[in-house]
Amino acid sequence: IDQLAQHVCRKAFAVWSLQPKLETLLKENEQFDLYKNLELPLARILGEMESEGITVNRATLEKMGHELNDKLIVIEQEIYAEAGEKFNINSPKQLGVILFEKLGLPVIKKTKTGYSTAADVLEKLQSEHAIIEHILLYRQLGKLQSTYIEGLLKEIHESDSKVHTRFQQALTATGRLSSTDPNLQNIPIRLEEGRKIRQAFVPSKEDWILFSADYSQIELRVLAHMSEDKNLVEAFREGMDVHTRTAMDVFHVAEDEVDSNMRRAAKAVNFGIVYGISDYGLSQNLDITRKEAAIFIEKYFASFPGVKQYMDEIVQDAKFNGYVTTILNRRRYLPDITSSNFNLRSFAERTAMNTPIQGSAADIIKKAMIDMDARLKKEKMQAKLLLQVHDELIFEAPKEEIALLEKIVPEVMENAIGLSVPLKVDFNHGSTWYEAK
């Protein structure tokens, strides 16, 4: 104990000694406000959220596990029937032999140890044989079973039937919060079986409700604000569906002429632009040729010239300064932005385009969490903030407080930070996180 005490004291003294220097550096970088008014008060709120935890119904999770196991057995037998023999589906080597030697499917990629059976390879082969779809589903359900069902079951505390995730405040380079032990931010939602895992998350008391509120298209709204693109700003100010508006501008059609394929393509390019998508990336997403994807991106930038100008300028600023900043002046340094290595430089350029947008979205929801904490205290409510999952906040509250939450949550979240376009919050509530979402 004495040795531990000395060790802790030395660590504490070192941090205390650094405080004046770090404070000076923060002020020189114009980041002291970010630290003092955002990250520091948020640390207390996150501590309270971690301590509170969220209740998980063990019986519901166990039932899901049994159902998933039954599905896996059925799919396994279908794969064996299509392959004409039994083999280890989880072995890339054995699977490669079945697919590319026995069934004669075209080889797309090889690795040092044999044939690649990675997900992107299998997705390209889906039209070649029925076995592929079953293998992809088998993998997805298998991961749900092992990582999420079994993983969550291990994290439920016996004393309170809750999971107490840890929020990492200074882990991501963009400023987003990260959730660990367990990670509640990456529960898969593409499959219904994945979405259903949220059915196991319930309020901690009888007659209480879970309340979910999330920002609608926050990164695109931040992009509109930062780029000041006239058409994008106009779409959000008029309350239009931004993907429909993009499709109208890119395909030169009226609103009632936009079909589902046009909107899907517009949605892919809208979100892709935020991440500095290439013609290759868009061609993969939409299953079109690179040439078609390149034309689509070109048309997008012609329709939204302010976005193109912003992307070009942010990369140039990053090359000049060596970093990019968010709305609240969070920095991300990009030493590879001037690298002679094309791949490193290209990645840094895409990061320069995305970080101010994703990081500013993170700033906004962190500010909303602080404002919500203050508002709940001001209203003397019993409601508690339990989780933050990217652009979503999850609360629990007694039924009688739901009407007030419906009023104050969107009010607070939509006014967390003033942008040139309105922020919009969607909300719902229910007896489980699944129902609330």
Protein backbone atom coordinates (compact mmCIF):
# COMPACT_ATOMS: atom_id res chain seq x y z
CA ILE A 1 0.00 0.00 0.00
CA ASP A 2 2.84 2.40 0.83
CA GLN A 3 4.51 1.74 -2.54
CA LEU A 4 1.20 2.27 -4.35
CA ALA A 5 0.59 5.52 -2.45
CA GLN A 6 4.04 6.82 -3.41
CA HIS A 7 3.46 5.83 -7.05
CA VAL A 8 0.07 7.59 -7.17
CA CYS A 9 1.52 10.69 -5.49
CA ARG A 10 4.34 10.87 -8.03
CA LYS A 11 1.85 10.58 -10.90
CA ALA A 12 -0.45 13.21 -9.38
CA PHE A 13 2.48 15.56 -8.76
CA ALA A 14 3.64 15.15 -12.38
CA VAL A 15 0.16 16.04 -13.70
CA TRP A 16 -0.11 18.97 -11.26
CA SER A 17 3.33 20.21 -12.36
CA LEU A 18 2.30 20.09 -16.02
CA GLN A 19 -0.95 21.99 -15.46
CA PRO A 20 0.37 25.56 -15.99
CA LYS A 21 2.25 24.58 -19.14
CA LEU A 22 -0.69 22.68 -20.60
CA GLU A 23 -3.08 25.50 -19.77
CA THR A 24 -0.77 27.98 -21.53
CA LEU A 25 -0.58 25.74 -24.61
CA LEU A 26 -4.36 25.38 -24.71
CA LYS A 27 -4.78 29.15 -24.54
CA GLU A 28 -2.17 29.68 -27.27
CA ASN A 29 -4.09 27.22 -29.48
CA GLU A 30 -7.41 28.90 -28.58
CA GLN A 31 -8.60 25.59 -27.13
CA PHE A 32 -8.95 26.44 -23.45
CA ASP A 33 -12.69 27.09 -23.86
CA LEU A 34 -13.09 23.69 -25.51
CA TYR A 35 -11.39 22.09 -22.50
CA LYS A 36 -13.02 24.13 -19.73
CA ASN A 37 -16.55 24.57 -21.06
CA LEU A 38 -17.04 21.31 -22.98
CA GLU A 39 -14.72 18.44 -22.11
CA LEU A 40 -14.32 19.13 -18.38
CA PRO A 41 -18.05 19.40 -17.51
CA LEU A 42 -18.74 16.47 -19.85
CA ALA A 43 -16.32 14.27 -17.86
CA ARG A 44 -18.58 14.48 -14.80
CA ILE A 45 -21.69 13.68 -16.85
CA LEU A 46 -20.02 10.67 -18.45
CA GLY A 47 -18.94 9.45 -15.01
CA GLU A 48 -22.55 9.62 -13.83
CA MET A 49 -23.74 7.77 -16.95
CA GLU A 50 -21.15 5.03 -16.45
CA SER A 51 -22.09 4.65 -12.79
CA GLU A 52 -25.82 4.56 -13.58
CA GLY A 53 -25.53 1.96 -16.37
CA ILE A 54 -28.45 0.60 -18.37
CA THR A 55 -30.59 -2.40 -17.48
CA VAL A 56 -30.38 -5.47 -19.72
CA ASN A 57 -32.91 -8.31 -19.59
CA ARG A 58 -30.76 -11.45 -19.40
CA ALA A 59 -33.67 -13.79 -20.23
CA THR A 60 -34.44 -11.87 -23.44
CA LEU A 61 -30.81 -12.07 -24.56
CA GLU A 62 -30.58 -15.78 -23.77
CA LYS A 63 -33.76 -16.47 -25.76
CA MET A 64 -32.32 -14.55 -28.73
CA GLY A 65 -29.15 -16.62 -28.43
CA HIS A 66 -31.09 -19.89 -28.64
CA GLU A 67 -33.08 -18.62 -31.65
CA LEU A 68 -29.90 -17.50 -33.43
CA ASN A 69 -28.28 -20.86 -32.74
CA ASP A 70 -31.25 -22.67 -34.32
CA LYS A 71 -31.00 -20.43 -37.41
CA LEU A 72 -27.28 -21.07 -37.69
CA ILE A 73 -27.85 -24.85 -37.66
CA VAL A 74 -30.40 -24.56 -40.50
CA ILE A 75 -28.13 -22.32 -42.61
CA GLU A 76 -25.18 -24.63 -41.93
CA GLN A 77 -27.10 -27.59 -43.37
CA GLU A 78 -28.09 -25.54 -46.45
CA ILE A 79 -24.42 -24.64 -47.04
CA TYR A 80 -23.39 -28.31 -46.74
CA ALA A 81 -26.13 -29.32 -49.21
CA GLU A 82 -25.02 -26.69 -51.75
CA ALA A 83 -21.36 -27.65 -51.30
CA GLY A 84 -22.13 -31.37 -51.55
CA GLU A 85 -20.11 -32.13 -48.41
CA LYS A 86 -19.44 -31.09 -44.82
CA PHE A 87 -16.52 -28.77 -44.09
CA ASN A 88 -15.47 -26.09 -41.60
CA ILE A 89 -17.35 -23.00 -42.79
CA ASN A 90 -15.26 -20.79 -40.50
CA SER A 91 -12.00 -21.96 -42.12
CA PRO A 92 -11.03 -19.60 -44.99
CA LYS A 93 -8.75 -22.32 -46.39
CA GLN A 94 -11.46 -25.02 -46.50
CA LEU A 95 -14.06 -22.53 -47.74
CA GLY A 96 -11.71 -21.38 -50.51
CA VAL A 97 -11.25 -24.95 -51.74
CA ILE A 98 -15.03 -25.51 -51.84
CA LEU A 99 -15.81 -22.24 -53.64
CA PHE A 100 -12.96 -21.94 -56.10
CA GLU A 101 -11.92 -25.53 -56.76
CA LYS A 102 -14.99 -27.71 -56.23
CA LEU A 103 -17.67 -25.21 -57.34
CA GLY A 104 -15.38 -23.46 -59.83
CA LEU A 105 -16.32 -19.87 -58.91
CA PRO A 106 -14.11 -17.13 -60.41
CA VAL A 107 -11.10 -16.24 -58.26
CA ILE A 108 -11.16 -12.50 -57.45
CA LYS A 109 -8.29 -12.17 -54.99
CA LYS A 110 -5.57 -14.36 -53.54
CA THR A 111 -3.71 -14.10 -50.25
CA LYS A 112 -0.36 -15.52 -49.11
CA THR A 113 -2.15 -18.60 -47.75
CA GLY A 114 -4.60 -19.19 -50.61
CA TYR A 115 -7.90 -17.82 -51.87
CA SER A 116 -9.41 -14.71 -50.30
CA THR A 117 -12.87 -15.31 -48.85
CA ALA A 118 -13.24 -11.83 -47.36
CA ALA A 119 -16.69 -10.25 -47.27
CA ASP A 120 -16.00 -7.86 -50.18
CA VAL A 121 -14.90 -10.82 -52.33
CA LEU A 122 -17.98 -12.88 -51.47
CA GLU A 123 -20.30 -9.95 -52.14
CA LYS A 124 -18.97 -9.75 -55.71
CA LEU A 125 -19.74 -13.46 -56.16
CA GLN A 126 -23.35 -13.34 -54.92
CA SER A 127 -24.82 -13.73 -58.40
CA GLU A 128 -22.56 -16.71 -59.16
CA HIS A 129 -23.97 -19.27 -56.72
CA ALA A 130 -26.67 -19.55 -54.04
CA ILE A 131 -24.12 -20.74 -51.47
CA ILE A 132 -22.58 -17.25 -51.22
CA GLU A 133 -25.67 -15.60 -49.76
CA HIS A 134 -25.94 -18.34 -47.16
CA ILE A 135 -22.28 -18.01 -46.17
CA LEU A 136 -22.58 -14.22 -45.76
CA LEU A 137 -25.70 -14.64 -43.60
CA TYR A 138 -24.01 -17.41 -41.59
CA ARG A 139 -21.08 -15.09 -40.83
CA GLN A 140 -23.30 -12.17 -39.87
CA LEU A 141 -25.48 -14.25 -37.54
CA GLY A 142 -22.42 -15.98 -36.12
CA LYS A 143 -20.87 -12.62 -35.21
CA LEU A 144 -24.13 -11.47 -33.64
CA GLN A 145 -24.19 -14.62 -31.54
CA SER A 146 -20.58 -14.58 -30.36
CA THR A 147 -19.79 -10.86 -30.13
CA TYR A 148 -23.08 -9.30 -29.16
CA ILE A 149 -25.31 -11.90 -27.49
CA GLU A 150 -22.60 -13.82 -25.62
CA GLY A 151 -20.48 -10.70 -25.23
CA LEU A 152 -23.29 -8.69 -23.62
CA LEU A 153 -24.31 -11.58 -21.35
CA LYS A 154 -20.79 -11.59 -19.86
CA GLU A 155 -21.00 -7.85 -19.09
CA ILE A 156 -24.29 -7.88 -17.14
CA HIS A 157 -23.57 -7.19 -13.47
CA GLU A 158 -25.24 -9.65 -11.11
CA SER A 159 -25.86 -6.96 -8.48
CA ASP A 160 -28.03 -4.62 -10.57
CA SER A 161 -28.72 -6.45 -13.90
CA LYS A 162 -27.06 -3.58 -15.74
CA VAL A 163 -24.18 -3.11 -18.14
CA HIS A 164 -21.85 -0.23 -17.29
CA THR A 165 -20.07 0.78 -20.49
CA ARG A 166 -17.03 3.06 -20.26
CA PHE A 167 -17.03 6.19 -22.39
CA GLN A 168 -13.56 7.03 -23.72
CA GLN A 169 -13.49 10.81 -23.96
CA ALA A 170 -10.04 11.31 -25.48
CA LEU A 171 -9.59 8.25 -27.68
CA THR A 172 -10.84 9.10 -31.17
CA ALA A 173 -9.02 11.58 -33.37
CA THR A 174 -12.29 13.27 -34.40
CA GLY A 175 -13.54 13.99 -30.87
CA ARG A 176 -16.32 11.41 -30.95
CA LEU A 177 -16.97 9.42 -27.80
CA SER A 178 -15.97 5.79 -27.81
CA SER A 179 -17.77 3.07 -25.81
CA THR A 180 -15.98 0.02 -24.38
CA ASP A 181 -16.62 -2.91 -22.02
CA PRO A 182 -19.08 -3.41 -23.65
CA ASN A 183 -19.11 -1.38 -26.86
CA LEU A 184 -22.73 -0.24 -27.19
CA GLN A 185 -22.07 1.99 -30.21
CA ASN A 186 -21.61 -0.74 -32.80
CA ILE A 187 -24.56 -3.08 -32.26
CA PRO A 188 -25.34 -4.02 -35.90
CA ILE A 189 -28.56 -2.59 -37.30
CA ARG A 190 -28.45 -3.79 -40.92
CA LEU A 191 -30.01 -7.14 -40.00
CA GLU A 192 -33.32 -7.35 -38.13
CA GLU A 193 -31.69 -9.87 -35.79
CA GLY A 194 -29.12 -7.21 -34.91
CA ARG A 195 -31.72 -4.52 -34.34
CA LYS A 196 -33.66 -6.91 -32.08
CA ILE A 197 -30.75 -7.03 -29.62
CA ARG A 198 -31.97 -3.61 -28.47
CA GLN A 199 -35.12 -5.34 -27.21
CA ALA A 200 -33.05 -6.55 -24.25
CA PHE A 201 -32.30 -2.98 -23.08
CA VAL A 202 -35.06 -1.86 -20.70
CA PRO A 203 -35.76 0.79 -18.04
CA SER A 204 -34.45 0.15 -14.52
CA LYS A 205 -37.83 0.71 -12.81
CA GLU A 206 -41.42 -0.31 -13.34
CA ASP A 207 -43.59 2.28 -15.07
CA TRP A 208 -40.48 3.94 -16.49
CA ILE A 209 -39.85 4.43 -20.21
CA LEU A 210 -36.77 4.62 -22.46
CA PHE A 211 -36.64 7.80 -24.55
CA SER A 212 -34.40 8.06 -27.63
CA ALA A 213 -33.54 11.28 -29.48
CA ASP A 214 -31.16 11.55 -32.42
CA TYR A 215 -29.96 14.25 -34.76
CA SER A 216 -31.25 13.90 -38.30
CA GLN A 217 -28.49 14.02 -40.95
CA ILE A 218 -26.30 16.10 -38.64
CA GLU A 219 -23.10 15.64 -40.69
CA LEU A 220 -24.78 16.84 -43.89
CA ARG A 221 -26.20 19.84 -42.00
CA VAL A 222 -22.70 20.62 -40.68
CA LEU A 223 -21.38 20.29 -44.26
CA ALA A 224 -24.02 22.77 -45.46
CA HIS A 225 -23.02 25.20 -42.69
CA MET A 226 -19.28 24.90 -43.31
CA SER A 227 -19.37 24.93 -47.11
CA GLU A 228 -22.06 27.64 -47.28
CA ASP A 229 -23.24 25.96 -50.47
CA LYS A 230 -26.37 27.82 -51.56
CA ASN A 231 -28.32 24.79 -52.81
CA LEU A 232 -27.51 22.60 -49.81
CA VAL A 233 -28.32 25.36 -47.31
CA GLU A 234 -31.57 26.10 -49.15
CA ALA A 235 -32.64 22.43 -49.05
CA PHE A 236 -32.24 22.24 -45.27
CA ARG A 237 -33.81 25.65 -44.63
CA GLU A 238 -36.85 24.69 -46.70
CA GLY A 239 -37.16 21.37 -44.86
CA MET A 240 -36.73 19.33 -48.04
CA ASP A 241 -35.51 15.75 -48.07
CA VAL A 242 -31.86 16.46 -48.91
CA HIS A 243 -31.38 13.20 -50.84
CA THR A 244 -34.39 13.97 -53.03
CA ARG A 245 -33.05 17.51 -53.58
CA THR A 246 -29.64 16.11 -54.55
CA ALA A 247 -31.26 13.68 -56.99
CA MET A 248 -33.28 16.54 -58.53
CA ASP A 249 -30.14 18.65 -59.06
CA VAL A 250 -27.89 15.83 -60.30
CA PHE A 251 -30.43 14.13 -62.60
CA HIS A 252 -32.15 17.38 -63.64
CA VAL A 253 -35.65 16.13 -62.82
CA ALA A 254 -38.65 17.47 -60.92
CA GLU A 255 -39.35 16.33 -57.35
CA ASP A 256 -42.16 13.97 -58.41
CA GLU A 257 -39.85 12.37 -61.00
CA VAL A 258 -37.25 11.21 -58.43
CA ASP A 259 -37.53 7.43 -58.14
CA SER A 260 -36.10 5.16 -55.42
CA ASN A 261 -32.94 4.34 -57.42
CA MET A 262 -32.19 8.04 -57.99
CA ARG A 263 -32.66 8.80 -54.29
CA ARG A 264 -30.50 5.81 -53.29
CA ALA A 265 -27.70 7.01 -55.57
CA ALA A 266 -28.03 10.57 -54.25
CA LYS A 267 -27.91 9.32 -50.65
CA ALA A 268 -24.75 7.31 -51.36
CA VAL A 269 -22.98 10.30 -52.87
CA ASN A 270 -24.23 12.71 -50.16
CA PHE A 271 -22.75 10.64 -47.37
CA GLY A 272 -19.79 9.58 -49.50
CA ILE A 273 -18.76 13.19 -50.15
CA VAL A 274 -18.53 13.73 -46.38
CA TYR A 275 -15.90 10.98 -46.26
CA GLY A 276 -14.02 12.07 -49.39
CA ILE A 277 -15.33 9.14 -51.43
CA SER A 278 -13.57 8.21 -54.67
CA ASP A 279 -15.12 7.07 -57.94
CA TYR A 280 -13.98 3.54 -57.03
CA GLY A 281 -15.67 3.68 -53.61
CA LEU A 282 -18.93 5.00 -55.08
CA SER A 283 -18.86 2.40 -57.87
CA GLN A 284 -18.61 -0.34 -55.21
CA ASN A 285 -21.45 1.14 -53.16
CA LEU A 286 -23.83 1.49 -56.10
CA ASP A 287 -22.60 -1.47 -58.17
CA ILE A 288 -21.85 0.74 -61.19
CA THR A 289 -18.72 1.28 -63.26
CA ARG A 290 -15.98 3.65 -62.09
CA LYS A 291 -16.66 5.83 -65.14
CA GLU A 292 -20.35 6.15 -64.21
CA ALA A 293 -19.39 6.91 -60.61
CA ALA A 294 -16.89 9.58 -61.71
CA ILE A 295 -19.56 11.26 -63.85
CA PHE A 296 -21.98 11.14 -60.92
CA ILE A 297 -19.47 12.82 -58.57
CA GLU A 298 -18.69 15.41 -61.24
CA LYS A 299 -22.42 16.20 -61.61
CA TYR A 300 -22.75 16.43 -57.82
CA PHE A 301 -19.98 19.01 -57.56
CA ALA A 302 -21.46 20.94 -60.48
CA SER A 303 -24.79 21.03 -58.60
CA PHE A 304 -23.17 21.91 -55.28
CA PRO A 305 -20.13 24.06 -56.20
CA GLY A 306 -19.78 25.39 -52.66
CA VAL A 307 -19.10 21.87 -51.40
CA LYS A 308 -16.38 21.35 -54.00
CA GLN A 309 -14.78 24.70 -53.12
CA TYR A 310 -14.92 23.89 -49.39
CA MET A 311 -13.30 20.46 -49.90
CA ASP A 312 -10.49 21.97 -51.97
CA GLU A 313 -9.89 24.81 -49.50
CA ILE A 314 -9.90 22.60 -46.40
CA VAL A 315 -7.19 20.40 -47.94
CA GLN A 316 -5.09 23.44 -48.83
CA ASP A 317 -5.55 24.87 -45.30
CA ALA A 318 -4.46 21.54 -43.84
CA LYS A 319 -1.32 21.54 -45.98
CA PHE A 320 -0.52 25.08 -44.85
CA ASN A 321 -1.34 24.68 -41.13
CA GLY A 322 -0.64 20.99 -40.64
CA TYR A 323 -4.04 20.49 -38.98
CA VAL A 324 -7.80 20.99 -39.37
CA THR A 325 -10.29 22.28 -36.78
CA THR A 326 -13.92 21.76 -35.80
CA ILE A 327 -16.59 24.34 -34.98
CA LEU A 328 -15.37 24.50 -31.37
CA ASN A 329 -11.71 24.59 -32.43
CA ARG A 330 -10.82 20.96 -31.75
CA ARG A 331 -7.67 20.17 -33.73
CA ARG A 332 -6.55 17.13 -35.67
CA TYR A 333 -2.95 17.19 -36.84
CA LEU A 334 -2.25 15.63 -40.25
CA PRO A 335 1.51 15.13 -40.70
CA ASP A 336 0.97 12.98 -43.82
CA ILE A 337 -0.88 15.73 -45.71
CA THR A 338 2.37 16.69 -47.49
CA SER A 339 3.79 13.16 -47.72
CA SER A 340 5.42 12.09 -50.99
CA ASN A 341 3.69 8.72 -50.55
CA PHE A 342 0.47 8.91 -52.60
CA ASN A 343 -1.55 6.55 -50.38
CA LEU A 344 -0.58 8.31 -47.15
CA ARG A 345 -1.22 11.73 -48.65
CA SER A 346 -4.59 10.69 -50.12
CA PHE A 347 -5.74 9.28 -46.79
CA ALA A 348 -4.70 12.49 -45.02
CA GLU A 349 -6.60 14.56 -47.60
CA ARG A 350 -9.78 12.51 -47.07
CA THR A 351 -9.28 12.89 -43.31
CA ALA A 352 -8.92 16.65 -43.74
CA MET A 353 -12.27 16.74 -45.56
CA ASN A 354 -14.09 14.58 -43.02
CA THR A 355 -12.70 15.54 -39.61
CA PRO A 356 -14.13 19.11 -39.41
CA ILE A 357 -17.56 17.68 -40.26
CA GLN A 358 -17.56 14.56 -38.07
CA GLY A 359 -15.68 16.38 -35.31
CA SER A 360 -18.11 19.31 -35.33
CA ALA A 361 -21.03 16.87 -35.12
CA ALA A 362 -19.29 15.38 -32.06
CA ASP A 363 -18.87 18.88 -30.57
CA ILE A 364 -22.57 19.56 -31.04
CA ILE A 365 -23.86 16.42 -29.30
CA LYS A 366 -21.37 16.86 -26.44
CA LYS A 367 -22.66 20.41 -25.95
CA ALA A 368 -26.23 19.04 -26.09
CA MET A 369 -25.40 16.55 -23.32
CA ILE A 370 -24.14 19.34 -21.06
CA ASP A 371 -27.18 21.51 -21.82
CA MET A 372 -29.56 18.56 -21.24
CA ASP A 373 -27.93 17.79 -17.88
CA ALA A 374 -28.48 21.40 -16.79
CA ARG A 375 -32.08 21.43 -18.08
CA LEU A 376 -33.04 18.19 -16.30
CA LYS A 377 -31.71 19.65 -13.05
CA LYS A 378 -33.51 22.96 -13.64
CA GLU A 379 -36.82 21.17 -14.25
CA LYS A 380 -36.15 18.95 -11.17
CA MET A 381 -36.86 15.86 -13.26
CA GLN A 382 -36.14 12.23 -12.36
CA ALA A 383 -35.18 11.47 -15.99
CA LYS A 384 -31.60 10.29 -16.51
CA LEU A 385 -29.28 10.33 -19.50
CA LEU A 386 -27.99 6.74 -19.88
CA LEU A 387 -26.21 6.44 -23.22
CA GLN A 388 -24.76 8.38 -26.12
CA VAL A 389 -24.50 6.43 -29.36
CA HIS A 390 -23.00 8.62 -32.10
CA ASP A 391 -25.83 11.08 -32.89
CA GLU A 392 -28.34 9.57 -30.44
CA LEU A 393 -29.05 10.17 -26.73
CA ILE A 394 -30.94 7.59 -24.68
CA PHE A 395 -32.76 8.55 -21.48
CA GLU A 396 -34.96 6.72 -19.00
CA ALA A 397 -37.80 8.50 -17.21
CA PRO A 398 -41.06 7.84 -15.38
CA LYS A 399 -44.10 7.81 -17.67
CA GLU A 400 -45.39 11.08 -16.26
CA GLU A 401 -42.25 12.92 -17.45
CA ILE A 402 -42.39 11.74 -21.08
CA ALA A 403 -44.56 14.63 -22.28
CA LEU A 404 -42.07 17.15 -20.85
CA LEU A 405 -39.12 15.23 -22.35
CA GLU A 406 -40.82 15.40 -25.76
CA LYS A 407 -40.82 19.18 -25.39
CA ILE A 408 -37.41 19.92 -23.88
CA VAL A 409 -35.13 17.32 -25.49
CA PRO A 410 -35.57 18.52 -29.11
CA GLU A 411 -35.60 22.13 -27.89
CA VAL A 412 -32.24 21.73 -26.13
CA MET A 413 -30.58 19.53 -28.76
CA GLU A 414 -31.66 21.69 -31.70
CA ASN A 415 -30.25 24.81 -30.02
CA ALA A 416 -26.99 23.33 -28.71
CA ILE A 417 -24.95 25.26 -31.28
CA GLY A 418 -26.22 27.80 -33.81
CA LEU A 419 -25.67 26.84 -37.46
CA SER A 420 -26.72 28.54 -40.69
CA VAL A 421 -29.16 25.64 -41.21
CA PRO A 422 -31.59 24.27 -38.62
CA LEU A 423 -30.67 21.20 -36.59
CA LYS A 424 -33.46 18.62 -36.49
CA VAL A 425 -34.04 15.99 -33.81
CA ASP A 426 -36.20 12.89 -34.16
CA PHE A 427 -37.43 11.25 -30.97
CA ASN A 428 -39.43 8.27 -29.80
CA HIS A 429 -40.02 6.27 -26.64
CA GLY A 430 -40.99 2.77 -25.58
CA SER A 431 -40.59 -0.03 -23.05
CA THR A 432 -37.31 -1.14 -24.74
CA TRP A 433 -34.51 0.59 -26.66
CA TYR A 434 -35.80 -1.22 -29.78
CA GLU A 435 -39.24 0.36 -29.40
CA ALA A 436 -37.76 3.77 -28.58
CA LYS A 437 -35.55 3.66 -31.69
